[in-house]
PDB file of N, CA and C in Angstrom:
ATOM      1  N   UNK A   1      91.009   1.782-162.173  1.00  0.00           N
ATOM      2  CA  UNK A   1      89.649   2.149-161.948  1.00  0.00           C
ATOM      3  C   UNK A   1      89.156   3.224-162.878  1.00  0.00           C
ATOM      4  N   UNK A   2      89.981   4.236-162.999  1.00  0.00           N
ATOM      5  CA  UNK A   2      89.578   5.364-163.897  1.00  0.00           C
ATOM      6  C   UNK A   2      90.125   5.238-165.300  1.00  0.00           C
ATOM      7  N   UNK A   3      90.649   4.054-165.616  1.00  0.00           N
ATOM      8  CA  UNK A   3      91.278   3.870-166.920  1.00  0.00           C
ATOM      9  C   UNK A   3      90.465   2.889-167.723  1.00  0.00           C
ATOM     10  N   UNK A   4      90.472   3.083-169.073  1.00  0.00           N
ATOM     11  CA  UNK A   4      89.831   2.197-169.993  1.00  0.00           C
ATOM     12  C   UNK A   4      90.770   0.964-170.201  1.00  0.00           C
ATOM     13  N   UNK A   5      90.289  -0.167-170.480  1.00  0.00           N
ATOM     14  CA  UNK A   5      91.035  -1.357-170.711  1.00  0.00           C
ATOM     15  C   UNK A   5      91.829  -1.256-171.999  1.00  0.00           C
ATOM     16  N   UNK A   6      91.294  -0.453-172.970  1.00  0.00           N
ATOM     17  CA  UNK A   6      91.981  -0.405-174.219  1.00  0.00           C
ATOM     18  C   UNK A   6      93.254   0.485-174.200  1.00  0.00           C
ATOM     19  N   UNK A   7      93.405   1.241-173.044  1.00  0.00           N
ATOM     20  CA  UNK A   7      94.610   2.043-173.012  1.00  0.00           C
ATOM     21  C   UNK A   7      94.465   3.413-173.599  1.00  0.00           C
ATOM     22  N   UNK A   8      93.294   3.807-173.996  1.00  0.00           N
ATOM     23  CA  UNK A   8      93.052   5.092-174.639  1.00  0.00           C
ATOM     24  C   UNK A   8      93.329   6.192-173.630  1.00  0.00           C
ATOM     25  N   UNK A   9      94.241   7.149-173.994  1.00  0.00           N
ATOM     26  CA  UNK A   9      94.650   8.136-172.999  1.00  0.00           C
ATOM     27  C   UNK A   9      93.517   9.146-172.721  1.00  0.00           C
ATOM     28  N   UNK A  10      92.650   9.262-173.635  1.00  0.00           N
ATOM     29  CA  UNK A  10      91.497  10.196-173.436  1.00  0.00           C
ATOM     30  C   UNK A  10      90.472   9.682-172.363  1.00  0.00           C
ATOM     31  N   UNK A  11      90.491   8.368-172.077  1.00  0.00           N
ATOM     32  CA  UNK A  11      89.541   7.849-171.072  1.00  0.00           C
ATOM     33  C   UNK A  11      90.159   7.751-169.710  1.00  0.00           C
ATOM     34  N   UNK A  12      91.402   8.197-169.555  1.00  0.00           N
ATOM     35  CA  UNK A  12      91.979   8.035-168.233  1.00  0.00           C
ATOM     36  C   UNK A  12      91.393   9.108-167.292  1.00  0.00           C
ATOM     37  N   UNK A  13      91.309   8.866-166.043  1.00  0.00           N
ATOM     38  CA  UNK A  13      90.833   9.793-165.038  1.00  0.00           C
ATOM     39  C   UNK A  13      91.804  10.854-164.949  1.00  0.00           C
ATOM     40  N   UNK A  14      91.285  12.141-164.788  1.00  0.00           N
ATOM     41  CA  UNK A  14      92.255  13.287-164.648  1.00  0.00           C
ATOM     42  C   UNK A  14      92.978  13.184-163.348  1.00  0.00           C
ATOM     43  N   UNK A  15      94.211  13.702-163.300  1.00  0.00           N
ATOM     44  CA  UNK A  15      94.903  13.688-161.994  1.00  0.00           C
ATOM     45  C   UNK A  15      94.241  14.547-160.933  1.00  0.00           C
ATOM     46  N   UNK A  16      94.414  14.299-159.646  1.00  0.00           N
ATOM     47  CA  UNK A  16      93.760  15.095-158.715  1.00  0.00           C
ATOM     48  C   UNK A  16      94.205  16.494-158.780  1.00  0.00           C
ATOM     49  N   UNK A  17      93.269  17.465-158.693  1.00  0.00           N
ATOM     50  CA  UNK A  17      93.518  18.830-158.801  1.00  0.00           C
ATOM     51  C   UNK A  17      94.007  19.448-157.484  1.00  0.00           C
ATOM     52  N   UNK A  18      94.714  20.501-157.562  1.00  0.00           N
ATOM     53  CA  UNK A  18      95.071  21.177-156.322  1.00  0.00           C
ATOM     54  C   UNK A  18      93.812  21.860-155.731  1.00  0.00           C
ATOM     55  N   UNK A  19      93.817  22.055-154.458  1.00  0.00           N
ATOM     56  CA  UNK A  19      92.692  22.534-153.669  1.00  0.00           C
ATOM     57  C   UNK A  19      92.712  24.109-153.859  1.00  0.00           C
ATOM     58  N   UNK A  20      91.956  24.602-154.816  1.00  0.00           N
ATOM     59  CA  UNK A  20      91.850  26.005-155.025  1.00  0.00           C
ATOM     60  C   UNK A  20      90.705  26.625-154.220  1.00  0.00           C
ATOM     61  N   UNK A  21      89.797  25.759-153.678  1.00  0.00           N
ATOM     62  CA  UNK A  21      88.661  26.320-152.951  1.00  0.00           C
ATOM     63  C   UNK A  21      87.493  26.626-153.910  1.00  0.00           C
ATOM     64  N   UNK A  22      87.757  26.481-155.266  1.00  0.00           N
ATOM     65  CA  UNK A  22      86.660  26.803-156.174  1.00  0.00           C
ATOM     66  C   UNK A  22      85.509  25.753-156.088  1.00  0.00           C
ATOM     67  N   UNK A  23      85.925  24.491-156.033  1.00  0.00           N
ATOM     68  CA  UNK A  23      84.884  23.455-155.911  1.00  0.00           C
ATOM     69  C   UNK A  23      83.991  23.563-154.686  1.00  0.00           C
ATOM     70  N   UNK A  24      84.637  23.744-153.581  1.00  0.00           N
ATOM     71  CA  UNK A  24      83.903  23.810-152.360  1.00  0.00           C
ATOM     72  C   UNK A  24      83.004  25.108-152.380  1.00  0.00           C
ATOM     73  N   UNK A  25      83.440  26.164-152.889  1.00  0.00           N
ATOM     74  CA  UNK A  25      82.633  27.366-152.883  1.00  0.00           C
ATOM     75  C   UNK A  25      81.511  27.183-153.949  1.00  0.00           C
ATOM     76  N   UNK A  26      81.790  26.433-155.046  1.00  0.00           N
ATOM     77  CA  UNK A  26      80.785  26.128-156.009  1.00  0.00           C
ATOM     78  C   UNK A  26      79.693  25.251-155.371  1.00  0.00           C
ATOM     79  N   UNK A  27      80.140  24.188-154.646  1.00  0.00           N
ATOM     80  CA  UNK A  27      79.144  23.318-154.040  1.00  0.00           C
ATOM     81  C   UNK A  27      78.312  24.077-153.013  1.00  0.00           C
ATOM     82  N   UNK A  28      78.948  24.922-152.213  1.00  0.00           N
ATOM     83  CA  UNK A  28      78.244  25.759-151.269  1.00  0.00           C
ATOM     84  C   UNK A  28      77.218  26.619-152.005  1.00  0.00           C
ATOM     85  N   UNK A  29      77.600  27.260-153.065  1.00  0.00           N
ATOM     86  CA  UNK A  29      76.670  28.142-153.776  1.00  0.00           C
ATOM     87  C   UNK A  29      75.507  27.344-154.370  1.00  0.00           C
ATOM     88  N   UNK A  30      75.719  26.218-154.925  1.00  0.00           N
ATOM     89  CA  UNK A  30      74.687  25.396-155.491  1.00  0.00           C
ATOM     90  C   UNK A  30      73.693  24.931-154.462  1.00  0.00           C
ATOM     91  N   UNK A  31      74.263  24.444-153.277  1.00  0.00           N
ATOM     92  CA  UNK A  31      73.395  24.007-152.211  1.00  0.00           C
ATOM     93  C   UNK A  31      72.552  25.177-151.678  1.00  0.00           C
ATOM     94  N   UNK A  32      73.199  26.325-151.587  1.00  0.00           N
ATOM     95  CA  UNK A  32      72.463  27.504-151.122  1.00  0.00           C
ATOM     96  C   UNK A  32      71.362  27.949-152.051  1.00  0.00           C
ATOM     97  N   UNK A  33      71.656  27.907-153.434  1.00  0.00           N
ATOM     98  CA  UNK A  33      70.692  28.245-154.444  1.00  0.00           C
ATOM     99  C   UNK A  33      69.493  27.296-154.363  1.00  0.00           C
ATOM    100  N   UNK A  34      69.754  26.037-154.285  1.00  0.00           N
ATOM    101  CA  UNK A  34      68.667  25.034-154.220  1.00  0.00           C
ATOM    102  C   UNK A  34      67.812  25.151-152.937  1.00  0.00           C
ATOM    103  N   UNK A  35      68.466  25.449-151.871  1.00  0.00           N
ATOM    104  CA  UNK A  35      67.708  25.535-150.607  1.00  0.00           C
ATOM    105  C   UNK A  35      66.861  26.830-150.588  1.00  0.00           C
ATOM    106  N   UNK A  36      67.394  27.906-151.146  1.00  0.00           N
ATOM    107  CA  UNK A  36      66.664  29.144-151.272  1.00  0.00           C
ATOM    108  C   UNK A  36      65.459  28.938-152.237  1.00  0.00           C
ATOM    109  N   UNK A  37      65.679  28.300-153.318  1.00  0.00           N
ATOM    110  CA  UNK A  37      64.568  28.056-154.293  1.00  0.00           C
ATOM    111  C   UNK A  37      63.535  27.217-153.602  1.00  0.00           C
ATOM    112  N   UNK A  38      63.853  26.273-152.881  1.00  0.00           N
ATOM    113  CA  UNK A  38      62.823  25.424-152.201  1.00  0.00           C
ATOM    114  C   UNK A  38      62.110  26.204-151.191  1.00  0.00           C
ATOM    115  N   UNK A  39      62.864  27.056-150.437  1.00  0.00           N
ATOM    116  CA  UNK A  39      62.219  27.877-149.420  1.00  0.00           C
ATOM    117  C   UNK A  39      61.244  28.908-150.021  1.00  0.00           C
ATOM    118  N   UNK A  40      61.619  29.487-151.202  1.00  0.00           N
ATOM    119  CA  UNK A  40      60.727  30.396-151.928  1.00  0.00           C
ATOM    120  C   UNK A  40      59.479  29.681-152.382  1.00  0.00           C
ATOM    121  N   UNK A  41      59.646  28.451-152.948  1.00  0.00           N
ATOM    122  CA  UNK A  41      58.469  27.730-153.359  1.00  0.00           C
ATOM    123  C   UNK A  41      57.551  27.360-152.192  1.00  0.00           C
ATOM    124  N   UNK A  42      58.168  27.024-151.105  1.00  0.00           N
ATOM    125  CA  UNK A  42      57.391  26.670-149.855  1.00  0.00           C
ATOM    126  C   UNK A  42      56.653  27.875-149.375  1.00  0.00           C
ATOM    127  N   UNK A  43      57.266  29.008-149.277  1.00  0.00           N
ATOM    128  CA  UNK A  43      56.705  30.256-148.840  1.00  0.00           C
ATOM    129  C   UNK A  43      55.555  30.739-149.739  1.00  0.00           C
ATOM    130  N   UNK A  44      55.731  30.533-151.066  1.00  0.00           N
ATOM    131  CA  UNK A  44      54.728  30.828-151.995  1.00  0.00           C
ATOM    132  C   UNK A  44      53.502  30.012-151.833  1.00  0.00           C
ATOM    133  N   UNK A  45      53.703  28.583-151.646  1.00  0.00           N
ATOM    134  CA  UNK A  45      52.580  27.758-151.386  1.00  0.00           C
ATOM    135  C   UNK A  45      51.865  28.177-150.126  1.00  0.00           C
ATOM    136  N   UNK A  46      52.592  28.515-149.063  1.00  0.00           N
ATOM    137  CA  UNK A  46      51.968  28.903-147.816  1.00  0.00           C
ATOM    138  C   UNK A  46      51.147  30.170-148.003  1.00  0.00           C
ATOM    139  N   UNK A  47      51.728  31.150-148.686  1.00  0.00           N
ATOM    140  CA  UNK A  47      50.930  32.378-148.959  1.00  0.00           C
ATOM    141  C   UNK A  47      49.677  32.118-149.664  1.00  0.00           C
ATOM    142  N   UNK A  48      49.740  31.219-150.662  1.00  0.00           N
ATOM    143  CA  UNK A  48      48.585  30.909-151.451  1.00  0.00           C
ATOM    144  C   UNK A  48      47.517  30.231-150.537  1.00  0.00           C
ATOM    145  N   UNK A  49      47.972  29.355-149.672  1.00  0.00           N
ATOM    146  CA  UNK A  49      47.082  28.665-148.690  1.00  0.00           C
ATOM    147  C   UNK A  49      46.483  29.681-147.742  1.00  0.00           C
ATOM    148  N   UNK A  50      47.306  30.645-147.277  1.00  0.00           N
ATOM    149  CA  UNK A  50      46.786  31.616-146.394  1.00  0.00           C
ATOM    150  C   UNK A  50      45.691  32.499-147.073  1.00  0.00           C
ATOM    151  N   UNK A  51      46.014  32.869-148.338  1.00  0.00           N
ATOM    152  CA  UNK A  51      45.006  33.625-149.082  1.00  0.00           C
ATOM    153  C   UNK A  51      43.709  32.909-149.229  1.00  0.00           C
ATOM    154  N   UNK A  52      43.891  31.589-149.536  1.00  0.00           N
ATOM    155  CA  UNK A  52      42.624  30.765-149.717  1.00  0.00           C
ATOM    156  C   UNK A  52      41.846  30.713-148.377  1.00  0.00           C
ATOM    157  N   UNK A  53      42.679  30.541-147.304  1.00  0.00           N
ATOM    158  CA  UNK A  53      42.042  30.449-145.962  1.00  0.00           C
ATOM    159  C   UNK A  53      41.331  31.731-145.609  1.00  0.00           C
ATOM    160  N   UNK A  54      41.970  32.897-145.909  1.00  0.00           N
ATOM    161  CA  UNK A  54      41.453  34.157-145.615  1.00  0.00           C
ATOM    162  C   UNK A  54      40.221  34.419-146.428  1.00  0.00           C
ATOM    163  N   UNK A  55      40.214  33.967-147.661  1.00  0.00           N
ATOM    164  CA  UNK A  55      39.040  34.038-148.533  1.00  0.00           C
ATOM    165  C   UNK A  55      37.864  33.254-147.926  1.00  0.00           C
ATOM    166  N   UNK A  56      38.202  32.048-147.384  1.00  0.00           N
ATOM    167  CA  UNK A  56      37.151  31.229-146.774  1.00  0.00           C
ATOM    168  C   UNK A  56      36.616  31.887-145.502  1.00  0.00           C
ATOM    169  N   UNK A  57      37.616  32.438-144.688  1.00  0.00           N
ATOM    170  CA  UNK A  57      37.266  33.085-143.425  1.00  0.00           C
ATOM    171  C   UNK A  57      36.364  34.334-143.678  1.00  0.00           C
ATOM    172  N   UNK A  58      36.770  35.088-144.697  1.00  0.00           N
ATOM    173  CA  UNK A  58      36.025  36.285-145.096  1.00  0.00           C
ATOM    174  C   UNK A  58      34.603  35.943-145.442  1.00  0.00           C
ATOM    175  N   UNK A  59      34.504  34.953-146.400  1.00  0.00           N
ATOM    176  CA  UNK A  59      33.209  34.607-146.861  1.00  0.00           C
ATOM    177  C   UNK A  59      32.324  34.057-145.741  1.00  0.00           C
ATOM    178  N   UNK A  60      32.906  33.211-144.872  1.00  0.00           N
ATOM    179  CA  UNK A  60      32.113  32.594-143.801  1.00  0.00           C
ATOM    180  C   UNK A  60      31.827  33.662-142.666  1.00  0.00           C
ATOM    181  N   UNK A  61      32.699  34.639-142.465  1.00  0.00           N
ATOM    182  CA  UNK A  61      32.383  35.658-141.496  1.00  0.00           C
ATOM    183  C   UNK A  61      31.341  36.653-141.985  1.00  0.00           C
ATOM    184  N   UNK A  62      31.305  36.893-143.369  1.00  0.00           N
ATOM    185  CA  UNK A  62      30.289  37.746-143.906  1.00  0.00           C
ATOM    186  C   UNK A  62      29.004  37.002-143.805  1.00  0.00           C
ATOM    187  N   UNK A  63      28.915  35.745-143.997  1.00  0.00           N
ATOM    188  CA  UNK A  63      27.736  35.002-143.811  1.00  0.00           C
ATOM    189  C   UNK A  63      27.244  35.072-142.357  1.00  0.00           C
ATOM    190  N   UNK A  64      28.109  34.996-141.418  1.00  0.00           N
ATOM    191  CA  UNK A  64      27.690  35.036-139.985  1.00  0.00           C
ATOM    192  C   UNK A  64      27.141  36.391-139.608  1.00  0.00           C
ATOM    193  N   UNK A  65      27.744  37.473-140.202  1.00  0.00           N
ATOM    194  CA  UNK A  65      27.309  38.744-139.857  1.00  0.00           C
ATOM    195  C   UNK A  65      25.861  38.975-140.546  1.00  0.00           C
ATOM    196  N   UNK A  66      25.795  38.472-141.806  1.00  0.00           N
ATOM    197  CA  UNK A  66      24.478  38.684-142.478  1.00  0.00           C
ATOM    198  C   UNK A  66      23.347  37.854-141.825  1.00  0.00           C
ATOM    199  N   UNK A  67      23.806  36.627-141.339  1.00  0.00           N
ATOM    200  CA  UNK A  67      22.832  35.827-140.658  1.00  0.00           C
ATOM    201  C   UNK A  67      22.637  36.128-139.190  1.00  0.00           C
ATOM    202  N   UNK A  68      23.309  37.065-138.707  1.00  0.00           N
ATOM    203  CA  UNK A  68      23.200  37.460-137.236  1.00  0.00           C
ATOM    204  C   UNK A  68      23.982  36.523-136.376  1.00  0.00           C
ATOM    205  N   UNK A  69      25.163  35.963-136.919  1.00  0.00           N
ATOM    206  CA  UNK A  69      26.003  35.065-136.122  1.00  0.00           C
ATOM    207  C   UNK A  69      26.713  35.785-135.021  1.00  0.00           C
ATOM    208  N   UNK A  70      27.410  35.077-134.222  1.00  0.00           N
ATOM    209  CA  UNK A  70      28.102  35.721-133.040  1.00  0.00           C
ATOM    210  C   UNK A  70      29.524  35.991-133.296  1.00  0.00           C
ATOM    211  N   UNK A  71      30.020  36.891-132.504  1.00  0.00           N
ATOM    212  CA  UNK A  71      31.472  37.320-132.541  1.00  0.00           C
ATOM    213  C   UNK A  71      32.372  36.175-132.147  1.00  0.00           C
ATOM    214  N   UNK A  72      31.843  35.349-131.237  1.00  0.00           N
ATOM    215  CA  UNK A  72      32.692  34.187-130.812  1.00  0.00           C
ATOM    216  C   UNK A  72      33.037  33.261-131.927  1.00  0.00           C
ATOM    217  N   UNK A  73      32.147  33.090-132.841  1.00  0.00           N
ATOM    218  CA  UNK A  73      32.459  32.225-133.991  1.00  0.00           C
ATOM    219  C   UNK A  73      33.544  32.781-134.865  1.00  0.00           C
ATOM    220  N   UNK A  74      33.557  34.121-135.139  1.00  0.00           N
ATOM    221  CA  UNK A  74      34.635  34.802-135.815  1.00  0.00           C
ATOM    222  C   UNK A  74      35.917  34.682-135.085  1.00  0.00           C
ATOM    223  N   UNK A  75      35.947  34.862-133.721  1.00  0.00           N
ATOM    224  CA  UNK A  75      37.098  34.769-132.964  1.00  0.00           C
ATOM    225  C   UNK A  75      37.727  33.406-132.991  1.00  0.00           C
ATOM    226  N   UNK A  76      36.859  32.380-133.036  1.00  0.00           N
ATOM    227  CA  UNK A  76      37.306  30.993-133.114  1.00  0.00           C
ATOM    228  C   UNK A  76      38.020  30.707-134.452  1.00  0.00           C
ATOM    229  N   UNK A  77      37.459  31.299-135.529  1.00  0.00           N
ATOM    230  CA  UNK A  77      38.046  31.169-136.836  1.00  0.00           C
ATOM    231  C   UNK A  77      39.388  31.836-136.997  1.00  0.00           C
ATOM    232  N   UNK A  78      39.527  33.000-136.381  1.00  0.00           N
ATOM    233  CA  UNK A  78      40.825  33.816-136.451  1.00  0.00           C
ATOM    234  C   UNK A  78      41.786  33.088-135.578  1.00  0.00           C
ATOM    235  N   UNK A  79      41.352  32.529-134.434  1.00  0.00           N
ATOM    236  CA  UNK A  79      42.279  31.879-133.580  1.00  0.00           C
ATOM    237  C   UNK A  79      42.849  30.630-134.223  1.00  0.00           C
ATOM    238  N   UNK A  80      42.034  29.921-134.946  1.00  0.00           N
ATOM    239  CA  UNK A  80      42.490  28.779-135.714  1.00  0.00           C
ATOM    240  C   UNK A  80      43.520  29.108-136.777  1.00  0.00           C
ATOM    241  N   UNK A  81      43.265  30.265-137.458  1.00  0.00           N
ATOM    242  CA  UNK A  81      44.164  30.732-138.435  1.00  0.00           C
ATOM    243  C   UNK A  81      45.482  31.096-137.816  1.00  0.00           C
ATOM    244  N   UNK A  82      45.463  31.761-136.688  1.00  0.00           N
ATOM    245  CA  UNK A  82      46.734  32.217-135.987  1.00  0.00           C
ATOM    246  C   UNK A  82      47.537  30.936-135.600  1.00  0.00           C
ATOM    247  N   UNK A  83      46.852  29.929-135.110  1.00  0.00           N
ATOM    248  CA  UNK A  83      47.572  28.724-134.733  1.00  0.00           C
ATOM    249  C   UNK A  83      48.190  27.965-135.949  1.00  0.00           C
ATOM    250  N   UNK A  84      47.468  28.026-137.044  1.00  0.00           N
ATOM    251  CA  UNK A  84      47.938  27.497-138.273  1.00  0.00           C
ATOM    252  C   UNK A  84      49.196  28.214-138.770  1.00  0.00           C
ATOM    253  N   UNK A  85      49.229  29.554-138.604  1.00  0.00           N
ATOM    254  CA  UNK A  85      50.367  30.324-139.041  1.00  0.00           C
ATOM    255  C   UNK A  85      51.533  30.068-138.123  1.00  0.00           C
ATOM    256  N   UNK A  86      51.327  29.850-136.831  1.00  0.00           N
ATOM    257  CA  UNK A  86      52.360  29.538-135.895  1.00  0.00           C
ATOM    258  C   UNK A  86      53.032  28.220-136.266  1.00  0.00           C
ATOM    259  N   UNK A  87      52.162  27.207-136.496  1.00  0.00           N
ATOM    260  CA  UNK A  87      52.674  25.941-136.867  1.00  0.00           C
ATOM    261  C   UNK A  87      53.500  25.959-138.215  1.00  0.00           C
ATOM    262  N   UNK A  88      53.065  26.834-139.127  1.00  0.00           N
ATOM    263  CA  UNK A  88      53.780  26.941-140.360  1.00  0.00           C
ATOM    264  C   UNK A  88      55.164  27.637-140.135  1.00  0.00           C
ATOM    265  N   UNK A  89      55.211  28.634-139.260  1.00  0.00           N
ATOM    266  CA  UNK A  89      56.478  29.227-138.963  1.00  0.00           C
ATOM    267  C   UNK A  89      57.414  28.209-138.260  1.00  0.00           C
ATOM    268  N   UNK A  90      56.877  27.434-137.300  1.00  0.00           N
ATOM    269  CA  UNK A  90      57.759  26.401-136.666  1.00  0.00           C
ATOM    270  C   UNK A  90      58.259  25.405-137.668  1.00  0.00           C
ATOM    271  N   UNK A  91      57.378  25.061-138.605  1.00  0.00           N
ATOM    272  CA  UNK A  91      57.831  24.110-139.666  1.00  0.00           C
ATOM    273  C   UNK A  91      58.886  24.722-140.527  1.00  0.00           C
ATOM    274  N   UNK A  92      58.840  26.024-140.817  1.00  0.00           N
ATOM    275  CA  UNK A  92      59.895  26.677-141.621  1.00  0.00           C
ATOM    276  C   UNK A  92      61.178  26.694-140.861  1.00  0.00           C
ATOM    277  N   UNK A  93      61.103  26.970-139.543  1.00  0.00           N
ATOM    278  CA  UNK A  93      62.347  27.038-138.746  1.00  0.00           C
ATOM    279  C   UNK A  93      63.001  25.629-138.700  1.00  0.00           C
ATOM    280  N   UNK A  94      62.240  24.629-138.542  1.00  0.00           N
ATOM    281  CA  UNK A  94      62.738  23.293-138.523  1.00  0.00           C
ATOM    282  C   UNK A  94      63.337  22.897-139.906  1.00  0.00           C
ATOM    283  N   UNK A  95      62.679  23.280-140.927  1.00  0.00           N
ATOM    284  CA  UNK A  95      63.186  23.019-142.290  1.00  0.00           C
ATOM    285  C   UNK A  95      64.505  23.739-142.547  1.00  0.00           C
ATOM    286  N   UNK A  96      64.634  24.988-142.052  1.00  0.00           N
ATOM    287  CA  UNK A  96      65.847  25.769-142.175  1.00  0.00           C
ATOM    288  C   UNK A  96      67.008  25.120-141.429  1.00  0.00           C
ATOM    289  N   UNK A  97      66.701  24.580-140.266  1.00  0.00           N
ATOM    290  CA  UNK A  97      67.732  23.834-139.536  1.00  0.00           C
ATOM    291  C   UNK A  97      68.160  22.587-140.307  1.00  0.00           C
ATOM    292  N   UNK A  98      67.257  21.832-140.834  1.00  0.00           N
ATOM    293  CA  UNK A  98      67.587  20.656-141.640  1.00  0.00           C
ATOM    294  C   UNK A  98      68.377  21.043-142.846  1.00  0.00           C
ATOM    295  N   UNK A  99      68.001  22.068-143.491  1.00  0.00           N
ATOM    296  CA  UNK A  99      68.769  22.515-144.664  1.00  0.00           C
ATOM    297  C   UNK A  99      70.184  22.881-144.305  1.00  0.00           C
ATOM    298  N   UNK A 100      70.436  23.581-143.169  1.00  0.00           N
ATOM    299  CA  UNK A 100      71.753  23.897-142.789  1.00  0.00           C
ATOM    300  C   UNK A 100      72.566  22.639-142.482  1.00  0.00           C
ATOM    301  N   UNK A 101      71.882  21.602-141.838  1.00  0.00           N
ATOM    302  CA  UNK A 101      72.577  20.410-141.556  1.00  0.00           C
ATOM    303  C   UNK A 101      72.947  19.692-142.888  1.00  0.00           C
ATOM    304  N   UNK A 102      72.075  19.688-143.858  1.00  0.00           N
ATOM    305  CA  UNK A 102      72.384  19.053-145.146  1.00  0.00           C
ATOM    306  C   UNK A 102      73.546  19.786-145.777  1.00  0.00           C
ATOM    307  N   UNK A 103      73.537  21.127-145.679  1.00  0.00           N
ATOM    308  CA  UNK A 103      74.694  21.890-146.287  1.00  0.00           C
ATOM    309  C   UNK A 103      75.957  21.557-145.672  1.00  0.00           C
ATOM    310  N   UNK A 104      75.954  21.497-144.304  1.00  0.00           N
ATOM    311  CA  UNK A 104      77.210  21.095-143.545  1.00  0.00           C
ATOM    312  C   UNK A 104      77.687  19.759-144.018  1.00  0.00           C
ATOM    313  N   UNK A 105      76.823  18.774-144.089  1.00  0.00           N
ATOM    314  CA  UNK A 105      77.160  17.400-144.459  1.00  0.00           C
ATOM    315  C   UNK A 105      77.722  17.382-145.922  1.00  0.00           C
ATOM    316  N   UNK A 106      77.094  18.185-146.786  1.00  0.00           N
ATOM    317  CA  UNK A 106      77.582  18.238-148.153  1.00  0.00           C
ATOM    318  C   UNK A 106      78.950  18.848-148.227  1.00  0.00           C
ATOM    319  N   UNK A 107      79.235  19.811-147.497  1.00  0.00           N
ATOM    320  CA  UNK A 107      80.561  20.446-147.508  1.00  0.00           C
ATOM    321  C   UNK A 107      81.578  19.454-147.025  1.00  0.00           C
ATOM    322  N   UNK A 108      81.256  18.790-145.842  1.00  0.00           N
ATOM    323  CA  UNK A 108      82.103  17.748-145.323  1.00  0.00           C
ATOM    324  C   UNK A 108      82.404  16.647-146.384  1.00  0.00           C
ATOM    325  N   UNK A 109      81.409  16.209-147.056  1.00  0.00           N
ATOM    326  CA  UNK A 109      81.559  15.188-148.016  1.00  0.00           C
ATOM    327  C   UNK A 109      82.443  15.623-149.161  1.00  0.00           C
ATOM    328  N   UNK A 110      82.327  16.959-149.545  1.00  0.00           N
ATOM    329  CA  UNK A 110      83.168  17.447-150.604  1.00  0.00           C
ATOM    330  C   UNK A 110      84.656  17.447-150.179  1.00  0.00           C
ATOM    331  N   UNK A 111      84.890  17.806-148.967  1.00  0.00           N
ATOM    332  CA  UNK A 111      86.252  17.825-148.403  1.00  0.00           C
ATOM    333  C   UNK A 111      86.799  16.435-148.376  1.00  0.00           C
ATOM    334  N   UNK A 112      86.016  15.497-147.909  1.00  0.00           N
ATOM    335  CA  UNK A 112      86.439  14.024-147.799  1.00  0.00           C
ATOM    336  C   UNK A 112      86.680  13.480-149.221  1.00  0.00           C
ATOM    337  N   UNK A 113      85.884  13.922-150.249  1.00  0.00           N
ATOM    338  CA  UNK A 113      86.200  13.406-151.553  1.00  0.00           C
ATOM    339  C   UNK A 113      87.442  13.937-152.136  1.00  0.00           C
ATOM    340  N   UNK A 114      87.779  15.223-151.821  1.00  0.00           N
ATOM    341  CA  UNK A 114      89.075  15.773-152.246  1.00  0.00           C
ATOM    342  C   UNK A 114      90.173  15.009-151.634  1.00  0.00           C
ATOM    343  N   UNK A 115      90.065  14.662-150.361  1.00  0.00           N
ATOM    344  CA  UNK A 115      91.111  13.915-149.696  1.00  0.00           C
ATOM    345  C   UNK A 115      91.252  12.562-150.334  1.00  0.00           C
ATOM    346  N   UNK A 116      90.152  11.917-150.641  1.00  0.00           N
ATOM    347  CA  UNK A 116      90.156  10.601-151.227  1.00  0.00           C
ATOM    348  C   UNK A 116      90.837  10.682-152.610  1.00  0.00           C
ATOM    349  N   UNK A 117      90.499  11.748-153.355  1.00  0.00           N
ATOM    350  CA  UNK A 117      91.186  11.962-154.685  1.00  0.00           C
ATOM    351  C   UNK A 117      92.707  12.072-154.560  1.00  0.00           C
ATOM    352  N   UNK A 118      93.117  12.815-153.592  1.00  0.00           N
ATOM    353  CA  UNK A 118      94.583  12.976-153.357  1.00  0.00           C
ATOM    354  C   UNK A 118      95.231  11.619-153.024  1.00  0.00           C
ATOM    355  N   UNK A 119      94.520  10.839-152.069  1.00  0.00           N
ATOM    356  CA  UNK A 119      95.041   9.592-151.701  1.00  0.00           C
ATOM    357  C   UNK A 119      95.089   8.590-152.875  1.00  0.00           C
ATOM    358  N   UNK A 120      94.072   8.527-153.678  1.00  0.00           N
ATOM    359  CA  UNK A 120      94.098   7.608-154.868  1.00  0.00           C
ATOM    360  C   UNK A 120      95.181   8.077-155.836  1.00  0.00           C
ATOM    361  N   UNK A 121      95.412   9.308-155.979  1.00  0.00           N
ATOM    362  CA  UNK A 121      96.439   9.842-156.846  1.00  0.00           C
ATOM    363  C   UNK A 121      97.825   9.398-156.360  1.00  0.00           C
ATOM    364  N   UNK A 122      98.040   9.395-155.051  1.00  0.00           N
ATOM    365  CA  UNK A 122      99.294   8.966-154.535  1.00  0.00           C
ATOM    366  C   UNK A 122      99.479   7.448-154.671  1.00  0.00           C
ATOM    367  N   UNK A 123      98.412   6.718-154.452  1.00  0.00           N
ATOM    368  CA  UNK A 123      98.480   5.284-154.671  1.00  0.00           C
ATOM    369  C   UNK A 123      98.737   4.857-156.122  1.00  0.00           C
ATOM    370  N   UNK A 124      98.134   5.651-157.022  1.00  0.00           N
ATOM    371  CA  UNK A 124      98.330   5.388-158.434  1.00  0.00           C
ATOM    372  C   UNK A 124      99.756   5.650-158.821  1.00  0.00           C
ATOM    373  N   UNK A 125     100.327   6.719-158.385  1.00  0.00           N
ATOM    374  CA  UNK A 125     101.703   7.058-158.717  1.00  0.00           C
ATOM    375  C   UNK A 125     102.660   5.997-158.038  1.00  0.00           C
ATOM    376  N   UNK A 126     102.318   5.594-156.908  1.00  0.00           N
ATOM    377  CA  UNK A 126     103.189   4.611-156.199  1.00  0.00           C
ATOM    378  C   UNK A 126     103.267   3.275-156.916  1.00  0.00           C
ATOM    379  N   UNK A 127     102.116   2.848-157.423  1.00  0.00           N
ATOM    380  CA  UNK A 127     102.048   1.464-157.942  1.00  0.00           C
ATOM    381  C   UNK A 127     102.180   1.504-159.490  1.00  0.00           C
ATOM    382  N   UNK A 128     102.327   2.583-160.150  1.00  0.00           N
ATOM    383  CA  UNK A 128     102.610   2.620-161.596  1.00  0.00           C
ATOM    384  C   UNK A 128     103.981   2.628-162.025  1.00  0.00           C
TER     385      UNK A 128
END
């Protein structure tokens, strides 16, 4: 499977390595870096959206004060903003849970692939 038909020794698959923990910690670090980067991007987008919404709320509330609008209209706008923020927080919590699940599955797959590598190495040495 890992060998070239021409018999070139450079093309052979390397023997299974001993479990030093380096690969699993590397995988964990990469998964963590990617998830943190995605979370930062998501938070930045949410902050930008909130700033845009605040700008819209401020401009519309100034218009209501200038035009003699009511306080209830402003309260309705801020209530809507608060519920949007609560939904965003819930979404972030759910996303964090999913990211932790993906990280756990990735770590499990890494361990299983190491085990598969050891098994194939044993089979190769048995039948060679």
